[in-house]
C-alpha atoms as a PDB file:
ATOM      1  CA  MET A   1     -29.929 -14.830  34.213  1.00  0.00           C
ATOM      2  CA  LYS A   2     -30.302 -11.907  31.836  1.00  0.00           C
ATOM      3  CA  ASN A   3     -27.013 -10.243  30.937  1.00  0.00           C
ATOM      4  CA  ASN A   4     -26.761  -6.684  29.617  1.00  0.00           C
ATOM      5  CA  SER A   5     -23.065  -6.245  30.388  1.00  0.00           C
ATOM      6  CA  PHE A   6     -21.347  -7.700  27.338  1.00  0.00           C
ATOM      7  CA  ARG A   7     -22.153  -8.842  23.823  1.00  0.00           C
ATOM      8  CA  THR A   8     -20.649 -11.136  21.197  1.00  0.00           C
ATOM      9  CA  VAL A   9     -19.557  -9.405  17.991  1.00  0.00           C
ATOM     10  CA  GLU A  10     -18.389 -11.096  14.804  1.00  0.00           C
ATOM     11  CA  ASN A  11     -15.334  -9.644  13.101  1.00  0.00           C
ATOM     12  CA  ARG A  12     -16.414  -8.325   9.696  1.00  0.00           C
ATOM     13  CA  ARG A  13     -12.823  -7.868   8.447  1.00  0.00           C
ATOM     14  CA  THR A  14     -12.118 -11.530   7.865  1.00  0.00           C
ATOM     15  CA  THR A  15      -9.360 -12.558   5.463  1.00  0.00           C
ATOM     16  CA  SER A  16     -10.615 -14.390   2.400  1.00  0.00           C
ATOM     17  CA  ALA A  17      -8.964 -17.471   0.965  1.00  0.00           C
ATOM     18  CA  ALA A  18      -8.337 -15.610  -2.302  1.00  0.00           C
ATOM     19  CA  SER A  19      -6.397 -12.821  -0.593  1.00  0.00           C
ATOM     20  CA  HIS A  20      -4.345 -15.349   1.346  1.00  0.00           C
ATOM     21  CA  SER A  21      -3.550 -17.208  -1.889  1.00  0.00           C
ATOM     22  CA  LEU A  22      -2.480 -13.922  -3.473  1.00  0.00           C
ATOM     23  CA  TYR A  23      -0.226 -13.317  -0.477  1.00  0.00           C
ATOM     24  CA  ARG A  24       1.428 -16.729  -0.891  1.00  0.00           C
ATOM     25  CA  LEU A  25       2.000 -15.951  -4.565  1.00  0.00           C
ATOM     26  CA  SER A  26       3.378 -12.516  -3.776  1.00  0.00           C
ATOM     27  CA  LEU A  27       6.070 -14.081  -1.568  1.00  0.00           C
ATOM     28  CA  ILE A  28       7.593 -15.643  -4.680  1.00  0.00           C
ATOM     29  CA  GLY A  29       7.864 -12.294  -6.410  1.00  0.00           C
ATOM     30  CA  ARG A  30       9.220 -10.718  -3.238  1.00  0.00           C
ATOM     31  CA  LEU A  31      11.996 -13.278  -3.082  1.00  0.00           C
ATOM     32  CA  VAL A  32      13.258 -12.268  -6.531  1.00  0.00           C
ATOM     33  CA  LEU A  33      13.872  -8.698  -5.385  1.00  0.00           C
ATOM     34  CA  GLU A  34      14.703  -8.966  -1.692  1.00  0.00           C
ATOM     35  CA  ILE A  35      17.769 -11.042  -2.539  1.00  0.00           C
ATOM     36  CA  PHE A  36      19.208  -7.855  -4.043  1.00  0.00           C
ATOM     37  CA  LEU A  37      17.697  -5.409  -1.525  1.00  0.00           C
ATOM     38  CA  ARG A  38      18.334  -7.147   1.802  1.00  0.00           C
ATOM     39  CA  ARG A  39      21.144  -8.875   3.641  1.00  0.00           C
ATOM     40  CA  ASN A  40      21.517 -10.996   6.786  1.00  0.00           C
ATOM     41  CA  PHE A  41      18.371 -13.085   6.506  1.00  0.00           C
ATOM     42  CA  GLY A  42      17.486 -15.588   9.180  1.00  0.00           C
ATOM     43  CA  LYS A  43      18.150 -19.204   8.245  1.00  0.00           C
ATOM     44  CA  ARG A  44      14.554 -20.159   9.053  1.00  0.00           C
ATOM     45  CA  TYR A  45      13.233 -17.349   6.851  1.00  0.00           C
ATOM     46  CA  TYR A  46      15.453 -17.537   3.789  1.00  0.00           C
ATOM     47  CA  SER A  47      14.999 -20.472   1.417  1.00  0.00           C
ATOM     48  CA  LEU A  48      17.834 -21.206  -1.005  1.00  0.00           C
ATOM     49  CA  ARG A  49      15.701 -23.922  -2.583  1.00  0.00           C
ATOM     50  CA  GLN A  50      13.006 -21.444  -3.577  1.00  0.00           C
ATOM     51  CA  ALA A  51      15.613 -19.020  -4.867  1.00  0.00           C
ATOM     52  CA  LEU A  52      17.202 -21.682  -7.071  1.00  0.00           C
ATOM     53  CA  LEU A  53      13.748 -22.682  -8.309  1.00  0.00           C
ATOM     54  CA  MET A  54      13.150 -19.114  -9.443  1.00  0.00           C
ATOM     55  CA  ALA A  55      16.578 -19.066 -11.108  1.00  0.00           C
ATOM     56  CA  PHE A  56      15.708 -22.319 -12.892  1.00  0.00           C
ATOM     57  CA  LEU A  57      12.454 -20.831 -14.197  1.00  0.00           C
ATOM     58  CA  MET A  58      14.175 -17.678 -15.409  1.00  0.00           C
ATOM     59  CA  MET A  59      16.891 -19.696 -17.121  1.00  0.00           C
ATOM     60  CA  GLY A  60      14.231 -21.908 -18.691  1.00  0.00           C
ATOM     61  CA  TRP A  61      12.526 -18.877 -20.195  1.00  0.00           C
ATOM     62  CA  PHE A  62      15.897 -17.686 -21.483  1.00  0.00           C
ATOM     63  CA  ILE A  63      16.471 -21.037 -23.197  1.00  0.00           C
ATOM     64  CA  LEU A  64      13.017 -20.934 -24.784  1.00  0.00           C
ATOM     65  CA  ALA A  65      13.792 -17.480 -26.151  1.00  0.00           C
ATOM     66  CA  ALA A  66      17.113 -18.769 -27.497  1.00  0.00           C
ATOM     67  CA  ILE A  67      15.378 -21.679 -29.223  1.00  0.00           C
ATOM     68  CA  ARG A  68      12.946 -19.301 -30.883  1.00  0.00           C
ATOM     69  CA  SER A  69      15.767 -17.041 -32.026  1.00  0.00           C
ATOM     70  CA  PHE A  70      18.144 -19.777 -33.234  1.00  0.00           C
ATOM     71  CA  PRO A  71      15.994 -22.785 -34.214  1.00  0.00           C
ATOM     72  CA  SER A  72      18.714 -24.189 -36.437  1.00  0.00           C
ATOM     73  CA  LEU A  73      21.026 -24.702 -33.444  1.00  0.00           C
ATOM     74  CA  PHE A  74      18.422 -26.931 -31.857  1.00  0.00           C
ATOM     75  CA  MET A  75      17.344 -28.564 -35.134  1.00  0.00           C
ATOM     76  CA  LEU A  76      13.876 -27.072 -34.827  1.00  0.00           C
ATOM     77  CA  GLU A  77      13.852 -24.837 -37.886  1.00  0.00           C
ATOM     78  CA  LYS A  78      10.978 -26.764 -39.440  1.00  0.00           C
ATOM     79  CA  TYR A  79       8.817 -26.056 -36.371  1.00  0.00           C
ATOM     80  CA  ILE A  80       9.703 -22.420 -35.782  1.00  0.00           C
ATOM     81  CA  LYS A  81       9.107 -20.236 -38.825  1.00  0.00           C
ATOM     82  CA  HIS A  82       9.541 -16.777 -37.304  1.00  0.00           C
ATOM     83  CA  PRO A  83      12.684 -16.475 -35.184  1.00  0.00           C
ATOM     84  CA  ALA A  84      12.888 -13.610 -32.723  1.00  0.00           C
ATOM     85  CA  PRO A  85      15.299 -10.908 -33.944  1.00  0.00           C
ATOM     86  CA  HIS A  86      18.107  -9.344 -31.912  1.00  0.00           C
ATOM     87  CA  PHE A  87      18.182 -12.027 -29.242  1.00  0.00           C
ATOM     88  CA  GLY A  88      21.407 -10.867 -27.613  1.00  0.00           C
ATOM     89  CA  LEU A  89      20.270  -7.251 -27.593  1.00  0.00           C
ATOM     90  CA  HIS A  90      17.049  -8.032 -25.725  1.00  0.00           C
ATOM     91  CA  TYR A  91      17.970 -11.021 -23.576  1.00  0.00           C
ATOM     92  CA  GLY A  92      21.545 -10.245 -22.595  1.00  0.00           C
ATOM     93  CA  SER A  93      20.265  -8.378 -19.539  1.00  0.00           C
ATOM     94  CA  TRP A  94      17.994 -11.337 -18.717  1.00  0.00           C
ATOM     95  CA  LEU A  95      20.962 -13.696 -18.587  1.00  0.00           C
ATOM     96  CA  ALA A  96      23.032 -11.210 -16.569  1.00  0.00           C
ATOM     97  CA  PHE A  97      20.167 -10.744 -14.103  1.00  0.00           C
ATOM     98  CA  THR A  98      19.747 -14.498 -13.675  1.00  0.00           C
ATOM     99  CA  MET A  99      23.454 -15.100 -13.117  1.00  0.00           C
ATOM    100  CA  PHE A 100      23.701 -12.262 -10.611  1.00  0.00           C
ATOM    101  CA  PHE A 101      20.567 -13.577  -8.916  1.00  0.00           C
ATOM    102  CA  VAL A 102      22.201 -16.989  -8.414  1.00  0.00           C
ATOM    103  CA  ILE A 103      25.364 -15.415  -6.997  1.00  0.00           C
ATOM    104  CA  CYS A 104      23.346 -13.314  -4.546  1.00  0.00           C
ATOM    105  CA  ALA A 105      21.202 -16.322  -3.634  1.00  0.00           C
ATOM    106  CA  PHE A 106      24.233 -18.275  -2.420  1.00  0.00           C
ATOM    107  CA  SER A 107      25.641 -15.185  -0.704  1.00  0.00           C
ATOM    108  CA  ARG A 108      22.389 -14.693   1.223  1.00  0.00           C
ATOM    109  CA  LYS A 109      22.518 -18.351   2.255  1.00  0.00           C
ATOM    110  CA  LEU A 110      25.998 -17.951   3.732  1.00  0.00           C
ATOM    111  CA  GLU A 111      24.861 -14.839   5.592  1.00  0.00           C
ATOM    112  CA  ALA A 112      21.822 -16.692   6.938  1.00  0.00           C
ATOM    113  CA  ARG A 113      24.018 -19.445   8.320  1.00  0.00           C
ATOM    114  CA  ARG A 114      26.144 -16.891  10.130  1.00  0.00           C
ATOM    115  CA  ASN A 115      23.098 -15.127  11.557  1.00  0.00           C
ATOM    116  CA  LYS A 116      22.782 -16.672  15.024  1.00  0.00           C
ATOM    117  CA  VAL A 117      20.829 -13.805  16.583  1.00  0.00           C
ATOM    118  CA  ASN A 118      17.483 -13.977  14.780  1.00  0.00           C
ATOM    119  CA  THR A 119      16.753 -17.090  12.730  1.00  0.00           C
ATOM    120  CA  LEU A 120      13.491 -15.552  11.464  1.00  0.00           C
ATOM    121  CA  SER A 121      15.068 -12.261  10.385  1.00  0.00           C
ATOM    122  CA  MET A 122      13.591 -10.828   7.179  1.00  0.00           C
ATOM    123  CA  GLY A 123      16.873  -9.127   6.404  1.00  0.00           C
ATOM    124  CA  ASP A 124      18.350  -5.710   7.073  1.00  0.00           C
ATOM    125  CA  LEU A 125      17.035  -2.672   5.245  1.00  0.00           C
ATOM    126  CA  HIS A 126      19.512  -1.046   2.891  1.00  0.00           C
ATOM    127  CA  PRO A 127      21.121   2.032   4.499  1.00  0.00           C
ATOM    128  CA  LEU A 128      19.933   4.239   1.625  1.00  0.00           C
ATOM    129  CA  PHE A 129      16.306   3.489   2.463  1.00  0.00           C
ATOM    130  CA  CYS A 130      16.961   4.078   6.150  1.00  0.00           C
ATOM    131  CA  LYS A 131      18.026   7.634   5.302  1.00  0.00           C
ATOM    132  CA  LEU A 132      14.678   8.478   3.728  1.00  0.00           C
ATOM    133  CA  LYS A 133      12.664  11.218   5.403  1.00  0.00           C
ATOM    134  CA  LEU A 134       8.993  12.156   5.175  1.00  0.00           C
ATOM    135  CA  PHE A 135       8.003  15.655   6.215  1.00  0.00           C
ATOM    136  CA  GLY A 136      11.273  16.014   8.070  1.00  0.00           C
ATOM    137  CA  ARG A 137      10.952  12.737   9.938  1.00  0.00           C
ATOM    138  CA  PRO A 138      12.675   9.404   9.236  1.00  0.00           C
ATOM    139  CA  ALA A 139      10.564   7.083   7.100  1.00  0.00           C
ATOM    140  CA  THR A 140       8.999   4.190   8.951  1.00  0.00           C
ATOM    141  CA  ALA A 141       9.802   0.576   8.138  1.00  0.00           C
ATOM    142  CA  ARG A 142       6.214   0.163   6.988  1.00  0.00           C
ATOM    143  CA  PHE A 143       6.587   2.939   4.414  1.00  0.00           C
ATOM    144  CA  ILE A 144       9.927   1.599   3.212  1.00  0.00           C
ATOM    145  CA  GLU A 145       8.715  -1.972   2.797  1.00  0.00           C
ATOM    146  CA  THR A 146       5.328  -1.255   1.257  1.00  0.00           C
ATOM    147  CA  ILE A 147       6.217   1.761  -0.910  1.00  0.00           C
ATOM    148  CA  ALA A 148       9.875   2.811  -1.088  1.00  0.00           C
ATOM    149  CA  GLU A 149      11.532  -0.527  -1.881  1.00  0.00           C
ATOM    150  CA  PRO A 150       8.937  -1.690  -4.454  1.00  0.00           C
ATOM    151  CA  LEU A 151       8.787   1.786  -6.023  1.00  0.00           C
ATOM    152  CA  PHE A 152      12.546   1.786  -6.508  1.00  0.00           C
ATOM    153  CA  CYS A 153      12.376  -1.607  -8.211  1.00  0.00           C
ATOM    154  CA  LEU A 154       9.419  -0.470 -10.299  1.00  0.00           C
ATOM    155  CA  VAL A 155      11.430   2.463 -11.635  1.00  0.00           C
ATOM    156  CA  VAL A 156      14.355   0.171 -12.473  1.00  0.00           C
ATOM    157  CA  GLY A 157      12.063  -2.306 -14.199  1.00  0.00           C
ATOM    158  CA  PHE A 158      10.234   0.382 -16.159  1.00  0.00           C
ATOM    159  CA  THR A 159      13.539   1.850 -17.317  1.00  0.00           C
ATOM    160  CA  LEU A 160      14.657  -1.548 -18.602  1.00  0.00           C
ATOM    161  CA  TYR A 161      11.271  -2.010 -20.268  1.00  0.00           C
ATOM    162  CA  LEU A 162      11.711   1.287 -22.126  1.00  0.00           C
ATOM    163  CA  LEU A 163      15.086  -0.030 -23.308  1.00  0.00           C
ATOM    164  CA  ALA A 164      13.310  -3.072 -24.798  1.00  0.00           C
ATOM    165  CA  GLN A 165      14.583  -5.445 -22.106  1.00  0.00           C
ATOM    166  CA  PRO A 166      12.031  -8.176 -21.237  1.00  0.00           C
ATOM    167  CA  ILE A 167      13.568  -8.598 -17.786  1.00  0.00           C
ATOM    168  CA  GLY A 168      12.097  -5.197 -16.975  1.00  0.00           C
ATOM    169  CA  ILE A 169       8.599  -6.677 -17.110  1.00  0.00           C
ATOM    170  CA  VAL A 170       9.625  -9.348 -14.603  1.00  0.00           C
ATOM    171  CA  ILE A 171      11.026  -6.726 -12.236  1.00  0.00           C
ATOM    172  CA  MET A 172       7.884  -4.586 -12.494  1.00  0.00           C
ATOM    173  CA  VAL A 173       5.612  -7.539 -11.751  1.00  0.00           C
ATOM    174  CA  CYS A 174       7.799  -8.609  -8.823  1.00  0.00           C
ATOM    175  CA  SER A 175       7.807  -5.051  -7.446  1.00  0.00           C
ATOM    176  CA  ALA A 176       3.986  -5.073  -7.377  1.00  0.00           C
ATOM    177  CA  LEU A 177       4.007  -8.465  -5.633  1.00  0.00           C
ATOM    178  CA  TYR A 178       6.644  -7.162  -3.225  1.00  0.00           C
ATOM    179  CA  SER A 179       4.367  -4.323  -2.156  1.00  0.00           C
ATOM    180  CA  ILE A 180       1.297  -6.581  -1.916  1.00  0.00           C
ATOM    181  CA  SER A 181       3.119  -9.075   0.294  1.00  0.00           C
ATOM    182  CA  TYR A 182       4.130  -6.446   2.843  1.00  0.00           C
ATOM    183  CA  ILE A 183       0.743  -4.699   2.792  1.00  0.00           C
ATOM    184  CA  TYR A 184      -0.894  -8.018   3.616  1.00  0.00           C
ATOM    185  CA  ALA A 185       1.719  -8.831   6.282  1.00  0.00           C
ATOM    186  CA  TYR A 186       1.219  -5.482   8.012  1.00  0.00           C
ATOM    187  CA  ARG A 187      -2.561  -5.803   7.863  1.00  0.00           C
ATOM    188  CA  PHE A 188      -2.318  -9.278   9.379  1.00  0.00           C
ATOM    189  CA  ALA A 189      -0.107  -7.892  12.159  1.00  0.00           C
ATOM    190  CA  ASP A 190      -2.625  -5.097  12.755  1.00  0.00           C
ATOM    191  CA  GLU A 191      -5.391  -7.675  13.132  1.00  0.00           C
ATOM    192  CA  ILE A 192      -3.333  -9.600  15.693  1.00  0.00           C
ATOM    193  CA  MET A 193      -2.682  -6.440  17.715  1.00  0.00           C
ATOM    194  CA  MET A 194      -6.390  -5.529  17.648  1.00  0.00           C
ATOM    195  CA  ASP A 195      -7.291  -9.069  18.706  1.00  0.00           C
ATOM    196  CA  MET A 196      -4.946  -8.722  21.690  1.00  0.00           C
ATOM    197  CA  GLN A 197      -6.455  -5.361  22.607  1.00  0.00           C
ATOM    198  CA  ASP A 198      -9.997  -6.702  22.264  1.00  0.00           C
ATOM    199  CA  ALA A 199      -9.108  -9.750  24.361  1.00  0.00           C
ATOM    200  CA  GLY A 200      -7.886  -7.466  27.119  1.00  0.00           C
ATOM    201  CA  ALA A 201     -10.976  -5.255  26.865  1.00  0.00           C
ATOM    202  CA  ASN A 202     -13.312  -8.238  26.890  1.00  0.00           C
ATOM    203  CA  GLY A 203     -11.517  -9.660  29.902  1.00  0.00           C
ATOM    204  CA  GLU A 204     -12.143  -6.403  31.743  1.00  0.00           C
ATOM    205  CA  ILE A 205     -15.818  -6.532  30.772  1.00  0.00           C
ATOM    206  CA  TYR A 206     -16.137 -10.088  32.060  1.00  0.00           C
ATOM    207  CA  ARG A 207     -14.483  -9.170  35.337  1.00  0.00           C
ATOM    208  CA  ASN A 208     -16.859  -6.241  35.795  1.00  0.00           C
ATOM    209  CA  ALA A 209     -19.940  -8.146  34.645  1.00  0.00           C
ATOM    210  CA  PRO A 210     -21.205  -9.141  38.146  1.00  0.00           C
ATOM    211  CA  MET A 211     -21.070  -5.506  39.291  1.00  0.00           C
ATOM    212  CA  ALA A 212     -22.785  -4.331  36.109  1.00  0.00           C
ATOM    213  CA  GLU A 213     -25.726  -6.642  36.811  1.00  0.00           C
ATOM    214  CA  LYS A 214     -26.407  -4.796  40.054  1.00  0.00           C
ATOM    215  CA  LYS A 215     -26.513  -1.370  38.383  1.00  0.00           C
ATOM    216  CA  PRO A 216     -29.620   0.124  36.737  1.00  0.00           C
ATOM    217  CA  THR A 217     -29.810   0.293  32.957  1.00  0.00           C
ATOM    218  CA  GLN A 218     -27.338   2.863  31.666  1.00  0.00           C
ATOM    219  CA  LYS A 219     -27.740   5.207  28.738  1.00  0.00           C
ATOM    220  CA  THR A 220     -25.602   3.042  26.460  1.00  0.00           C
ATOM    221  CA  ASP A 221     -27.720   0.005  27.255  1.00  0.00           C
ATOM    222  CA  ALA A 222     -30.907   1.883  26.458  1.00  0.00           C
ATOM    223  CA  GLU A 223     -29.468   3.079  23.161  1.00  0.00           C
ATOM    224  CA  ASP A 224     -28.618  -0.484  22.175  1.00  0.00           C
ATOM    225  CA  VAL A 225     -32.262  -1.447  22.424  1.00  0.00           C
ATOM    226  CA  LEU A 226     -33.314   1.258  19.941  1.00  0.00           C
END
C-alpha cells in the first residue's frame, strides 16, 4: 500500500564522539570551580573521590615546582641547573588555593550527605548570581551557568595571571571548561525535548494516517514530489 502520509527523517544534528569526549573532560574542570560556587550538591552527583584526585594533581604540580626551585633540598641539584626564582611569590597562591579546595571538598561532601531531597542536585546557585538582571528581567539559570559563573571565574583567573600567579591559568582554563560543560548539557536537554515533541507529532501523524490515505493529494504532498 502506497503511503503519502508520513516520512522518515534522519536527525542531522547528531552528537559526535569528539564533542562527547570534550564534555566528559569539561566536567573535570567544572568540578574545580563549582566546589567554590555551589552548595548543597546531591550525594549521587557530587564525587569526593574526583575532588581529591584533582587536589592530588594540583599538589603534585606544586611539589614539582618546589623541586625545580629548591633542587638542593631534594638532592637533585646536579639534575636541575636553572632553579625557578621567587617560588613563594608565585606559588603561594597555588598552595592556598589547593588547601582551600580540599576544605571545600569535604564541606560539600557533608552537605551532600544531608541533602535528602534531591540526590542528583547540581547544587544551589549563589544568591549573588540569582540577583542578576538582563534588560530588566531576572537572568535565567541557563545564562548564569553558561556565561555568568564562568565569566566571573575567568575575571578572577585573569587577574591572578596578571599578578604572575600560575594558579590563574588553571582557573581560566577551568572557567572555559565550565562554560563548555553547561552549553553541552543544555544542548543535550534541548535535543531530548525536541525528541519528545517529535515523538508526539509523529504519533499524531500515525493515528491520522488511515484518514489521510482516503484524501486526495494535498498541496504539501505535491510540493514534496518537486
